[in-house]
Full PDB file with SEQRES, HELIX, SHEET, SSBOND, CRYST1, ORIGX, SCALE, CONECT and MASTER records, all heavy atoms in Angstrom:
SEQRES   1 A   41  VAL GLN ASP SER ALA GLU GLU PRO ILE GLU GLY LEU PRO          
SEQRES   2 A   41  PRO GLY PHE GLY GLU GLY ILE LEU GLY ARG VAL ALA PHE          
SEQRES   3 A   41  TRP ILE ALA PHE SER PHE SER LEU PHE GLN LEU TRP SER          
SEQRES   4 A   41  ALA ALA                                                      
HELIX    1 AA1 GLY A   19  ALA A   40  1                                  22    
CRYST1    1.000    1.000    1.000  90.00  90.00  90.00 P 1           1          
ORIGX1      1.000000  0.000000  0.000000        0.00000                         
ORIGX2      0.000000  1.000000  0.000000        0.00000                         
ORIGX3      0.000000  0.000000  1.000000        0.00000                         
SCALE1      1.000000  0.000000  0.000000        0.00000                         
SCALE2      0.000000  1.000000  0.000000        0.00000                         
SCALE3      0.000000  0.000000  1.000000        0.00000                         
ATOM      1  N   VAL A   1       4.810   2.798   4.756  1.00  0.00           N  
ATOM      2  CA  VAL A   1       4.962   2.929   3.336  1.00  0.00           C  
ATOM      3  C   VAL A   1       5.915   4.005   2.988  1.00  0.00           C  
ATOM      4  O   VAL A   1       5.822   5.121   3.549  1.00  0.00           O  
ATOM      5  CB  VAL A   1       3.640   3.212   2.566  1.00  0.00           C  
ATOM      6  CG1 VAL A   1       3.809   3.314   1.174  1.00  0.00           C  
ATOM      7  CG2 VAL A   1       2.629   2.075   2.941  1.00  0.00           C  
ATOM      8  N   GLN A   2       6.966   3.759   2.228  1.00  0.00           N  
ATOM      9  CA  GLN A   2       7.960   4.692   1.930  1.00  0.00           C  
ATOM     10  C   GLN A   2       7.532   5.607   0.835  1.00  0.00           C  
ATOM     11  O   GLN A   2       6.704   5.253  -0.114  1.00  0.00           O  
ATOM     12  CB  GLN A   2       9.253   4.027   1.498  1.00  0.00           C  
ATOM     13  CG  GLN A   2       9.808   3.023   2.577  1.00  0.00           C  
ATOM     14  CD  GLN A   2      10.105   3.706   3.864  1.00  0.00           C  
ATOM     15  OE1 GLN A   2      10.724   4.850   3.855  1.00  0.00           O  
ATOM     16  NE2 GLN A   2       9.708   3.106   4.987  1.00  0.00           N  
ATOM     17  N   ASP A   3       8.052   6.870   0.911  1.00  0.00           N  
ATOM     18  CA  ASP A   3       7.719   7.978  -0.090  1.00  0.00           C  
ATOM     19  C   ASP A   3       6.224   8.002  -0.343  1.00  0.00           C  
ATOM     20  O   ASP A   3       5.595   8.070  -1.388  1.00  0.00           O  
ATOM     21  CB  ASP A   3       8.292   7.555  -1.558  1.00  0.00           C  
ATOM     22  CG  ASP A   3       9.781   7.417  -1.418  1.00  0.00           C  
ATOM     23  OD1 ASP A   3      10.512   8.192  -0.790  1.00  0.00           O  
ATOM     24  OD2 ASP A   3      10.343   6.474  -1.962  1.00  0.00           O  
ATOM     25  N   SER A   4       5.470   8.001   0.825  1.00  0.00           N  
ATOM     26  CA  SER A   4       4.040   7.982   0.733  1.00  0.00           C  
ATOM     27  C   SER A   4       3.500   9.385   0.757  1.00  0.00           C  
ATOM     28  O   SER A   4       4.141  10.351   1.065  1.00  0.00           O  
ATOM     29  CB  SER A   4       3.505   7.128   1.823  1.00  0.00           C  
ATOM     30  OG  SER A   4       3.516   7.884   3.035  1.00  0.00           O  
ATOM     31  N   ALA A   5       2.133   9.425   0.357  1.00  0.00           N  
ATOM     32  CA  ALA A   5       1.405  10.651   0.415  1.00  0.00           C  
ATOM     33  C   ALA A   5       0.615  10.654   1.688  1.00  0.00           C  
ATOM     34  O   ALA A   5      -0.406  11.416   1.792  1.00  0.00           O  
ATOM     35  CB  ALA A   5       0.583  10.778  -0.804  1.00  0.00           C  
ATOM     36  N   GLU A   6       0.993   9.913   2.649  1.00  0.00           N  
ATOM     37  CA  GLU A   6       0.161   9.811   3.834  1.00  0.00           C  
ATOM     38  C   GLU A   6       0.088  11.126   4.598  1.00  0.00           C  
ATOM     39  O   GLU A   6       1.047  11.801   4.823  1.00  0.00           O  
ATOM     40  CB  GLU A   6       0.776   8.662   4.812  1.00  0.00           C  
ATOM     41  CG  GLU A   6      -0.054   8.561   6.057  1.00  0.00           C  
ATOM     42  CD  GLU A   6       0.569   7.461   7.007  1.00  0.00           C  
ATOM     43  OE1 GLU A   6       1.106   6.508   6.378  1.00  0.00           O  
ATOM     44  OE2 GLU A   6       0.452   7.593   8.192  1.00  0.00           O  
ATOM     45  N   GLU A   7      -1.132  11.478   4.935  1.00  0.00           N  
ATOM     46  CA  GLU A   7      -1.395  12.757   5.621  1.00  0.00           C  
ATOM     47  C   GLU A   7      -1.328  12.544   7.165  1.00  0.00           C  
ATOM     48  O   GLU A   7      -1.794  11.535   7.678  1.00  0.00           O  
ATOM     49  CB  GLU A   7      -2.690  13.336   5.267  1.00  0.00           C  
ATOM     50  CG  GLU A   7      -2.831  13.662   3.771  1.00  0.00           C  
ATOM     51  CD  GLU A   7      -4.232  14.192   3.436  1.00  0.00           C  
ATOM     52  OE1 GLU A   7      -5.078  14.398   4.350  1.00  0.00           O  
ATOM     53  OE2 GLU A   7      -4.427  14.562   2.240  1.00  0.00           O  
ATOM     54  N   PRO A   8      -0.654  13.402   7.889  1.00  0.00           N  
ATOM     55  CA  PRO A   8      -0.650  13.246   9.276  1.00  0.00           C  
ATOM     56  C   PRO A   8      -2.087  13.379   9.920  1.00  0.00           C  
ATOM     57  O   PRO A   8      -2.821  14.209   9.531  1.00  0.00           O  
ATOM     58  CB  PRO A   8       0.211  14.481   9.776  1.00  0.00           C  
ATOM     59  CG  PRO A   8       0.124  15.471   8.664  1.00  0.00           C  
ATOM     60  CD  PRO A   8      -0.038  14.638   7.389  1.00  0.00           C  
ATOM     61  N   ILE A   9      -2.320  12.513  10.829  1.00  0.00           N  
ATOM     62  CA  ILE A   9      -3.596  12.404  11.478  1.00  0.00           C  
ATOM     63  C   ILE A   9      -3.437  12.634  12.997  1.00  0.00           C  
ATOM     64  O   ILE A   9      -2.519  12.055  13.561  1.00  0.00           O  
ATOM     65  CB  ILE A   9      -4.290  11.058  11.247  1.00  0.00           C  
ATOM     66  CG1 ILE A   9      -4.533  10.819   9.752  1.00  0.00           C  
ATOM     67  CG2 ILE A   9      -5.588  10.950  11.949  1.00  0.00           C  
ATOM     68  CD1 ILE A   9      -4.972   9.395   9.442  1.00  0.00           C  
ATOM     69  N   GLU A  10      -4.235  13.548  13.490  1.00  0.00           N  
ATOM     70  CA  GLU A  10      -4.101  13.871  14.859  1.00  0.00           C  
ATOM     71  C   GLU A  10      -4.143  12.627  15.768  1.00  0.00           C  
ATOM     72  O   GLU A  10      -5.125  11.818  15.699  1.00  0.00           O  
ATOM     73  CB  GLU A  10      -5.242  14.857  15.349  1.00  0.00           C  
ATOM     74  CG  GLU A  10      -5.155  15.225  16.798  1.00  0.00           C  
ATOM     75  CD  GLU A  10      -6.165  16.307  17.141  1.00  0.00           C  
ATOM     76  OE1 GLU A  10      -6.797  16.814  16.284  1.00  0.00           O  
ATOM     77  OE2 GLU A  10      -6.306  16.498  18.399  1.00  0.00           O  
ATOM     78  N   GLY A  11      -3.095  12.471  16.677  1.00  0.00           N  
ATOM     79  CA  GLY A  11      -3.126  11.371  17.508  1.00  0.00           C  
ATOM     80  C   GLY A  11      -2.516  10.057  16.973  1.00  0.00           C  
ATOM     81  O   GLY A  11      -2.386   9.152  17.712  1.00  0.00           O  
ATOM     82  N   LEU A  12      -2.154  10.097  15.740  1.00  0.00           N  
ATOM     83  CA  LEU A  12      -1.654   8.814  15.020  1.00  0.00           C  
ATOM     84  C   LEU A  12      -0.346   9.062  14.461  1.00  0.00           C  
ATOM     85  O   LEU A  12      -0.118   9.957  13.595  1.00  0.00           O  
ATOM     86  CB  LEU A  12      -2.605   8.342  14.025  1.00  0.00           C  
ATOM     87  CG  LEU A  12      -3.925   7.610  14.501  1.00  0.00           C  
ATOM     88  CD1 LEU A  12      -4.677   7.146  13.253  1.00  0.00           C  
ATOM     89  CD2 LEU A  12      -3.568   6.380  15.341  1.00  0.00           C  
ATOM     90  N   PRO A  13       0.665   8.228  14.862  1.00  0.00           N  
ATOM     91  CA  PRO A  13       2.000   8.309  14.045  1.00  0.00           C  
ATOM     92  C   PRO A  13       1.778   7.768  12.667  1.00  0.00           C  
ATOM     93  O   PRO A  13       0.752   7.121  12.310  1.00  0.00           O  
ATOM     94  CB  PRO A  13       2.941   7.343  14.995  1.00  0.00           C  
ATOM     95  CG  PRO A  13       2.157   7.184  16.196  1.00  0.00           C  
ATOM     96  CD  PRO A  13       0.684   7.352  15.902  1.00  0.00           C  
ATOM     97  N   PRO A  14       2.760   7.938  11.740  1.00  0.00           N  
ATOM     98  CA  PRO A  14       2.656   7.340  10.480  1.00  0.00           C  
ATOM     99  C   PRO A  14       2.764   5.802  10.526  1.00  0.00           C  
ATOM    100  O   PRO A  14       3.251   5.226  11.456  1.00  0.00           O  
ATOM    101  CB  PRO A  14       3.918   7.951   9.740  1.00  0.00           C  
ATOM    102  CG  PRO A  14       4.836   8.282  10.823  1.00  0.00           C  
ATOM    103  CD  PRO A  14       4.026   8.663  11.957  1.00  0.00           C  
ATOM    104  N   GLY A  15       2.360   5.123   9.413  1.00  0.00           N  
ATOM    105  CA  GLY A  15       2.414   3.746   9.288  1.00  0.00           C  
ATOM    106  C   GLY A  15       1.158   2.975   9.781  1.00  0.00           C  
ATOM    107  O   GLY A  15       0.163   3.548  10.043  1.00  0.00           O  
ATOM    108  N   PHE A  16       1.294   1.683   9.768  1.00  0.00           N  
ATOM    109  CA  PHE A  16       0.205   0.859  10.189  1.00  0.00           C  
ATOM    110  C   PHE A  16       0.544  -0.054  11.425  1.00  0.00           C  
ATOM    111  O   PHE A  16      -0.406  -0.773  11.881  1.00  0.00           O  
ATOM    112  CB  PHE A  16      -0.190  -0.117   9.008  1.00  0.00           C  
ATOM    113  CG  PHE A  16      -0.795   0.658   7.904  1.00  0.00           C  
ATOM    114  CD1 PHE A  16      -0.083   1.223   6.924  1.00  0.00           C  
ATOM    115  CD2 PHE A  16      -2.189   0.789   7.767  1.00  0.00           C  
ATOM    116  CE1 PHE A  16      -0.607   1.921   5.796  1.00  0.00           C  
ATOM    117  CE2 PHE A  16      -2.763   1.551   6.708  1.00  0.00           C  
ATOM    118  CZ  PHE A  16      -1.971   2.030   5.715  1.00  0.00           C  
ATOM    119  N   GLY A  17       1.756  -0.015  11.898  1.00  0.00           N  
ATOM    120  CA  GLY A  17       2.083  -0.777  13.085  1.00  0.00           C  
ATOM    121  C   GLY A  17       3.075  -1.869  12.755  1.00  0.00           C  
ATOM    122  O   GLY A  17       3.525  -1.999  11.637  1.00  0.00           O  
ATOM    123  N   GLU A  18       3.390  -2.628  13.874  1.00  0.00           N  
ATOM    124  CA  GLU A  18       4.532  -3.550  13.681  1.00  0.00           C  
ATOM    125  C   GLU A  18       3.955  -5.006  13.535  1.00  0.00           C  
ATOM    126  O   GLU A  18       2.895  -5.310  14.023  1.00  0.00           O  
ATOM    127  CB  GLU A  18       5.386  -3.468  14.915  1.00  0.00           C  
ATOM    128  CG  GLU A  18       6.097  -2.126  15.063  1.00  0.00           C  
ATOM    129  CD  GLU A  18       7.068  -2.024  16.311  1.00  0.00           C  
ATOM    130  OE1 GLU A  18       7.019  -3.020  17.091  1.00  0.00           O  
ATOM    131  OE2 GLU A  18       7.723  -1.159  16.485  1.00  0.00           O  
ATOM    132  N   GLY A  19       4.771  -5.835  12.926  1.00  0.00           N  
ATOM    133  CA  GLY A  19       4.508  -7.280  12.884  1.00  0.00           C  
ATOM    134  C   GLY A  19       3.300  -7.636  12.157  1.00  0.00           C  
ATOM    135  O   GLY A  19       2.719  -6.939  11.273  1.00  0.00           O  
ATOM    136  N   ILE A  20       2.718  -8.734  12.684  1.00  0.00           N  
ATOM    137  CA  ILE A  20       1.443  -9.285  11.952  1.00  0.00           C  
ATOM    138  C   ILE A  20       0.286  -8.368  12.088  1.00  0.00           C  
ATOM    139  O   ILE A  20      -0.515  -8.247  11.175  1.00  0.00           O  
ATOM    140  CB  ILE A  20       1.138 -10.725  12.507  1.00  0.00           C  
ATOM    141  CG1 ILE A  20      -0.002 -11.392  11.804  1.00  0.00           C  
ATOM    142  CG2 ILE A  20       0.880 -10.667  13.986  1.00  0.00           C  
ATOM    143  CD1 ILE A  20       0.404 -11.690  10.343  1.00  0.00           C  
ATOM    144  N   LEU A  21       0.172  -7.707  13.271  1.00  0.00           N  
ATOM    145  CA  LEU A  21      -1.010  -6.799  13.439  1.00  0.00           C  
ATOM    146  C   LEU A  21      -0.884  -5.669  12.556  1.00  0.00           C  
ATOM    147  O   LEU A  21      -1.938  -5.069  12.068  1.00  0.00           O  
ATOM    148  CB  LEU A  21      -1.189  -6.460  14.937  1.00  0.00           C  
ATOM    149  CG  LEU A  21      -1.592  -7.465  15.902  1.00  0.00           C  
ATOM    150  CD1 LEU A  21      -1.560  -6.993  17.322  1.00  0.00           C  
ATOM    151  CD2 LEU A  21      -2.866  -8.112  15.525  1.00  0.00           C  
ATOM    152  N   GLY A  22       0.372  -5.121  12.337  1.00  0.00           N  
ATOM    153  CA  GLY A  22       0.571  -4.097  11.395  1.00  0.00           C  
ATOM    154  C   GLY A  22       0.108  -4.442   9.977  1.00  0.00           C  
ATOM    155  O   GLY A  22      -0.523  -3.718   9.282  1.00  0.00           O  
ATOM    156  N   ARG A  23       0.458  -5.668   9.615  1.00  0.00           N  
ATOM    157  CA  ARG A  23       0.079  -6.190   8.283  1.00  0.00           C  
ATOM    158  C   ARG A  23      -1.456  -6.376   8.119  1.00  0.00           C  
ATOM    159  O   ARG A  23      -2.063  -6.101   7.127  1.00  0.00           O  
ATOM    160  CB  ARG A  23       0.790  -7.447   7.924  1.00  0.00           C  
ATOM    161  CG  ARG A  23       2.282  -7.328   7.860  1.00  0.00           C  
ATOM    162  CD  ARG A  23       2.996  -8.551   7.338  1.00  0.00           C  
ATOM    163  NE  ARG A  23       4.393  -8.262   7.352  1.00  0.00           N  
ATOM    164  CZ  ARG A  23       5.031  -7.712   6.269  1.00  0.00           C  
ATOM    165  NH1 ARG A  23       4.310  -7.228   5.257  1.00  0.00           N  
ATOM    166  NH2 ARG A  23       6.321  -7.450   6.336  1.00  0.00           N  
ATOM    167  N   VAL A  24      -2.074  -6.814   9.272  1.00  0.00           N  
ATOM    168  CA  VAL A  24      -3.554  -6.939   9.262  1.00  0.00           C  
ATOM    169  C   VAL A  24      -4.172  -5.551   9.086  1.00  0.00           C  
ATOM    170  O   VAL A  24      -5.154  -5.413   8.219  1.00  0.00           O  
ATOM    171  CB  VAL A  24      -4.004  -7.629  10.607  1.00  0.00           C  
ATOM    172  CG1 VAL A  24      -5.549  -7.460  10.668  1.00  0.00           C  
ATOM    173  CG2 VAL A  24      -3.563  -9.041  10.641  1.00  0.00           C  
ATOM    174  N   ALA A  25      -3.625  -4.561   9.756  1.00  0.00           N  
ATOM    175  CA  ALA A  25      -4.296  -3.217   9.613  1.00  0.00           C  
ATOM    176  C   ALA A  25      -4.035  -2.677   8.215  1.00  0.00           C  
ATOM    177  O   ALA A  25      -4.931  -2.078   7.634  1.00  0.00           O  
ATOM    178  CB  ALA A  25      -3.589  -2.229  10.674  1.00  0.00           C  
ATOM    179  N   PHE A  26      -2.844  -3.000   7.649  1.00  0.00           N  
ATOM    180  CA  PHE A  26      -2.630  -2.594   6.271  1.00  0.00           C  
ATOM    181  C   PHE A  26      -3.595  -3.172   5.336  1.00  0.00           C  
ATOM    182  O   PHE A  26      -4.217  -2.487   4.417  1.00  0.00           O  
ATOM    183  CB  PHE A  26      -1.162  -2.985   5.794  1.00  0.00           C  
ATOM    184  CG  PHE A  26      -0.790  -2.642   4.440  1.00  0.00           C  
ATOM    185  CD1 PHE A  26      -0.331  -1.358   4.052  1.00  0.00           C  
ATOM    186  CD2 PHE A  26      -1.124  -3.564   3.430  1.00  0.00           C  
ATOM    187  CE1 PHE A  26      -0.032  -1.089   2.810  1.00  0.00           C  
ATOM    188  CE2 PHE A  26      -0.801  -3.235   2.142  1.00  0.00           C  
ATOM    189  CZ  PHE A  26      -0.246  -2.053   1.841  1.00  0.00           C  
ATOM    190  N   TRP A  27      -3.887  -4.510   5.464  1.00  0.00           N  
ATOM    191  CA  TRP A  27      -4.852  -5.157   4.526  1.00  0.00           C  
ATOM    192  C   TRP A  27      -6.325  -4.769   4.706  1.00  0.00           C  
ATOM    193  O   TRP A  27      -7.089  -4.809   3.926  1.00  0.00           O  
ATOM    194  CB  TRP A  27      -4.597  -6.662   4.592  1.00  0.00           C  
ATOM    195  CG  TRP A  27      -3.278  -7.091   3.922  1.00  0.00           C  
ATOM    196  CD1 TRP A  27      -2.182  -7.532   4.547  1.00  0.00           C  
ATOM    197  CD2 TRP A  27      -3.091  -7.047   2.541  1.00  0.00           C  
ATOM    198  NE1 TRP A  27      -1.248  -7.736   3.602  1.00  0.00           N  
ATOM    199  CE2 TRP A  27      -1.733  -7.444   2.328  1.00  0.00           C  
ATOM    200  CE3 TRP A  27      -3.785  -6.658   1.403  1.00  0.00           C  
ATOM    201  CZ2 TRP A  27      -1.132  -7.546   1.095  1.00  0.00           C  
ATOM    202  CZ3 TRP A  27      -3.232  -6.762   0.110  1.00  0.00           C  
ATOM    203  CH2 TRP A  27      -1.856  -7.173   0.014  1.00  0.00           C  
ATOM    204  N   ILE A  28      -6.530  -4.307   6.130  1.00  0.00           N  
ATOM    205  CA  ILE A  28      -7.889  -3.827   6.350  1.00  0.00           C  
ATOM    206  C   ILE A  28      -8.064  -2.535   5.523  1.00  0.00           C  
ATOM    207  O   ILE A  28      -9.134  -2.307   4.925  1.00  0.00           O  
ATOM    208  CB  ILE A  28      -8.123  -3.537   7.788  1.00  0.00           C  
ATOM    209  CG1 ILE A  28      -8.256  -4.799   8.597  1.00  0.00           C  
ATOM    210  CG2 ILE A  28      -9.327  -2.643   8.113  1.00  0.00           C  
ATOM    211  CD1 ILE A  28      -8.197  -4.655  10.142  1.00  0.00           C  
ATOM    212  N   ALA A  29      -7.017  -1.639   5.550  1.00  0.00           N  
ATOM    213  CA  ALA A  29      -7.117  -0.348   4.805  1.00  0.00           C  
ATOM    214  C   ALA A  29      -7.250  -0.720   3.320  1.00  0.00           C  
ATOM    215  O   ALA A  29      -8.025  -0.043   2.544  1.00  0.00           O  
ATOM    216  CB  ALA A  29      -5.887   0.455   5.023  1.00  0.00           C  
ATOM    217  N   PHE A  30      -6.488  -1.662   2.783  1.00  0.00           N  
ATOM    218  CA  PHE A  30      -6.520  -1.985   1.372  1.00  0.00           C  
ATOM    219  C   PHE A  30      -7.932  -2.549   1.026  1.00  0.00           C  
ATOM    220  O   PHE A  30      -8.552  -2.178   0.018  1.00  0.00           O  
ATOM    221  CB  PHE A  30      -5.516  -3.122   1.110  1.00  0.00           C  
ATOM    222  CG  PHE A  30      -5.476  -3.611  -0.270  1.00  0.00           C  
ATOM    223  CD1 PHE A  30      -4.861  -2.961  -1.325  1.00  0.00           C  
ATOM    224  CD2 PHE A  30      -6.138  -4.785  -0.582  1.00  0.00           C  
ATOM    225  CE1 PHE A  30      -4.880  -3.426  -2.578  1.00  0.00           C  
ATOM    226  CE2 PHE A  30      -6.110  -5.354  -1.871  1.00  0.00           C  
ATOM    227  CZ  PHE A  30      -5.495  -4.646  -2.891  1.00  0.00           C  
ATOM    228  N   SER A  31      -8.528  -3.377   1.914  1.00  0.00           N  
ATOM    229  CA  SER A  31      -9.877  -3.926   1.695  1.00  0.00           C  
ATOM    230  C   SER A  31     -10.895  -2.755   1.719  1.00  0.00           C  
ATOM    231  O   SER A  31     -11.891  -2.871   0.971  1.00  0.00           O  
ATOM    232  CB  SER A  31     -10.250  -5.016   2.703  1.00  0.00           C  
ATOM    233  OG  SER A  31      -9.176  -6.057   2.681  1.00  0.00           O  
ATOM    234  N   PHE A  32     -10.685  -1.857   2.601  1.00  0.00           N  
ATOM    235  CA  PHE A  32     -11.577  -0.703   2.790  1.00  0.00           C  
ATOM    236  C   PHE A  32     -11.736   0.015   1.338  1.00  0.00           C  
ATOM    237  O   PHE A  32     -12.854   0.301   0.858  1.00  0.00           O  
ATOM    238  CB  PHE A  32     -11.120   0.215   3.821  1.00  0.00           C  
ATOM    239  CG  PHE A  32     -12.061   1.296   4.168  1.00  0.00           C  
ATOM    240  CD1 PHE A  32     -13.373   1.463   3.689  1.00  0.00           C  
ATOM    241  CD2 PHE A  32     -11.649   2.341   5.074  1.00  0.00           C  
ATOM    242  CE1 PHE A  32     -14.203   2.464   4.085  1.00  0.00           C  
ATOM    243  CE2 PHE A  32     -12.388   3.322   5.453  1.00  0.00           C  
ATOM    244  CZ  PHE A  32     -13.705   3.488   4.952  1.00  0.00           C  
ATOM    245  N   SER A  33     -10.507   0.289   0.815  1.00  0.00           N  
ATOM    246  CA  SER A  33     -10.554   0.954  -0.513  1.00  0.00           C  
ATOM    247  C   SER A  33     -11.169   0.142  -1.628  1.00  0.00           C  
ATOM    248  O   SER A  33     -11.886   0.665  -2.402  1.00  0.00           O  
ATOM    249  CB  SER A  33      -9.026   1.230  -0.842  1.00  0.00           C  
ATOM    250  OG  SER A  33      -8.483   2.351  -0.083  1.00  0.00           O  
ATOM    251  N   LEU A  34     -10.879  -1.154  -1.609  1.00  0.00           N  
ATOM    252  CA  LEU A  34     -11.493  -2.000  -2.620  1.00  0.00           C  
ATOM    253  C   LEU A  34     -13.005  -1.994  -2.521  1.00  0.00           C  
ATOM    254  O   LEU A  34     -13.743  -1.944  -3.512  1.00  0.00           O  
ATOM    255  CB  LEU A  34     -10.930  -3.414  -2.528  1.00  0.00           C  
ATOM    256  CG  LEU A  34      -9.522  -3.719  -3.058  1.00  0.00           C  
ATOM    257  CD1 LEU A  34      -9.251  -5.168  -3.071  1.00  0.00           C  
ATOM    258  CD2 LEU A  34      -9.394  -3.198  -4.535  1.00  0.00           C  
ATOM    259  N   PHE A  35     -13.525  -2.170  -1.301  1.00  0.00           N  
ATOM    260  CA  PHE A  35     -14.941  -2.148  -1.127  1.00  0.00           C  
ATOM    261  C   PHE A  35     -15.613  -0.846  -1.574  1.00  0.00           C  
ATOM    262  O   PHE A  35     -16.612  -0.848  -2.231  1.00  0.00           O  
ATOM    263  CB  PHE A  35     -15.282  -2.320   0.442  1.00  0.00           C  
ATOM    264  CG  PHE A  35     -16.731  -2.153   0.689  1.00  0.00           C  
ATOM    265  CD1 PHE A  35     -17.669  -3.027   0.451  1.00  0.00           C  
ATOM    266  CD2 PHE A  35     -17.173  -0.901   1.271  1.00  0.00           C  
ATOM    267  CE1 PHE A  35     -19.064  -2.845   0.703  1.00  0.00           C  
ATOM    268  CE2 PHE A  35     -18.580  -0.713   1.554  1.00  0.00           C  
ATOM    269  CZ  PHE A  35     -19.461  -1.697   1.296  1.00  0.00           C  
ATOM    270  N   GLN A  36     -14.975   0.305  -1.252  1.00  0.00           N  
ATOM    271  CA  GLN A  36     -15.546   1.597  -1.627  1.00  0.00           C  
ATOM    272  C   GLN A  36     -15.444   1.746  -3.190  1.00  0.00           C  
ATOM    273  O   GLN A  36     -16.400   2.268  -3.785  1.00  0.00           O  
ATOM    274  CB  GLN A  36     -14.776   2.700  -0.959  1.00  0.00           C  
ATOM    275  CG  GLN A  36     -15.017   2.853   0.524  1.00  0.00           C  
ATOM    276  CD  GLN A  36     -16.410   3.265   0.914  1.00  0.00           C  
ATOM    277  OE1 GLN A  36     -16.873   2.901   1.900  1.00  0.00           O  
ATOM    278  NE2 GLN A  36     -17.171   3.851  -0.022  1.00  0.00           N  
ATOM    279  N   LEU A  37     -14.393   1.352  -3.758  1.00  0.00           N  
ATOM    280  CA  LEU A  37     -14.212   1.547  -5.210  1.00  0.00           C  
ATOM    281  C   LEU A  37     -15.249   0.561  -5.977  1.00  0.00           C  
ATOM    282  O   LEU A  37     -15.896   0.966  -6.963  1.00  0.00           O  
ATOM    283  CB  LEU A  37     -12.750   1.068  -5.678  1.00  0.00           C  
ATOM    284  CG  LEU A  37     -11.755   2.062  -5.199  1.00  0.00           C  
ATOM    285  CD1 LEU A  37     -10.361   1.692  -5.615  1.00  0.00           C  
ATOM    286  CD2 LEU A  37     -12.018   3.450  -5.788  1.00  0.00           C  
ATOM    287  N   TRP A  38     -15.430  -0.650  -5.400  1.00  0.00           N  
ATOM    288  CA  TRP A  38     -16.467  -1.570  -5.984  1.00  0.00           C  
ATOM    289  C   TRP A  38     -17.821  -1.035  -5.900  1.00  0.00           C  
ATOM    290  O   TRP A  38     -18.654  -1.065  -6.892  1.00  0.00           O  
ATOM    291  CB  TRP A  38     -16.301  -2.936  -5.364  1.00  0.00           C  
ATOM    292  CG  TRP A  38     -17.410  -3.880  -5.783  1.00  0.00           C  
ATOM    293  CD1 TRP A  38     -17.578  -4.524  -6.916  1.00  0.00           C  
ATOM    294  CD2 TRP A  38     -18.540  -4.208  -4.954  1.00  0.00           C  
ATOM    295  NE1 TRP A  38     -18.698  -5.296  -6.970  1.00  0.00           N  
ATOM    296  CE2 TRP A  38     -19.361  -5.125  -5.750  1.00  0.00           C  
ATOM    297  CE3 TRP A  38     -18.973  -3.864  -3.712  1.00  0.00           C  
ATOM    298  CZ2 TRP A  38     -20.498  -5.630  -5.355  1.00  0.00           C  
ATOM    299  CZ3 TRP A  38     -20.153  -4.467  -3.240  1.00  0.00           C  
ATOM    300  CH2 TRP A  38     -20.892  -5.340  -4.025  1.00  0.00           C  
ATOM    301  N   SER A  39     -18.116  -0.535  -4.717  1.00  0.00           N  
ATOM    302  CA  SER A  39     -19.501   0.029  -4.501  1.00  0.00           C  
ATOM    303  C   SER A  39     -19.779   1.229  -5.321  1.00  0.00           C  
ATOM    304  O   SER A  39     -20.838   1.496  -5.792  1.00  0.00           O  
ATOM    305  CB  SER A  39     -19.807   0.329  -3.052  1.00  0.00           C  
ATOM    306  OG  SER A  39     -18.827   1.285  -2.509  1.00  0.00           O  
ATOM    307  N   ALA A  40     -18.664   2.131  -5.562  1.00  0.00           N  
ATOM    308  CA  ALA A  40     -18.823   3.259  -6.361  1.00  0.00           C  
ATOM    309  C   ALA A  40     -18.876   2.943  -7.833  1.00  0.00           C  
ATOM    310  O   ALA A  40     -19.725   3.628  -8.522  1.00  0.00           O  
ATOM    311  CB  ALA A  40     -17.614   4.218  -6.133  1.00  0.00           C  
ATOM    312  N   ALA A  41     -18.243   1.920  -8.293  1.00  0.00           N  
ATOM    313  CA  ALA A  41     -18.182   1.608  -9.727  1.00  0.00           C  
ATOM    314  C   ALA A  41     -19.475   0.875 -10.168  1.00  0.00           C  
ATOM    315  O   ALA A  41     -19.954   1.112 -11.243  1.00  0.00           O  
ATOM    316  CB  ALA A  41     -16.981   0.768 -10.047  1.00  0.00           C  
TER     317      ALA A  41                                                      
MASTER        0    0    0    1    0    0    0    6  316    1    0    4          
END                                                                             
């Protein structure tokens, strides 16, 4: 993600990965946030 506020995490480069698996990881993160927001709200 460009111009992101992503914080550096020990042992992990920035981003979510390449190709289809990178997109899967991205949407997992997106779904994680939606689940937490729904359960909080």
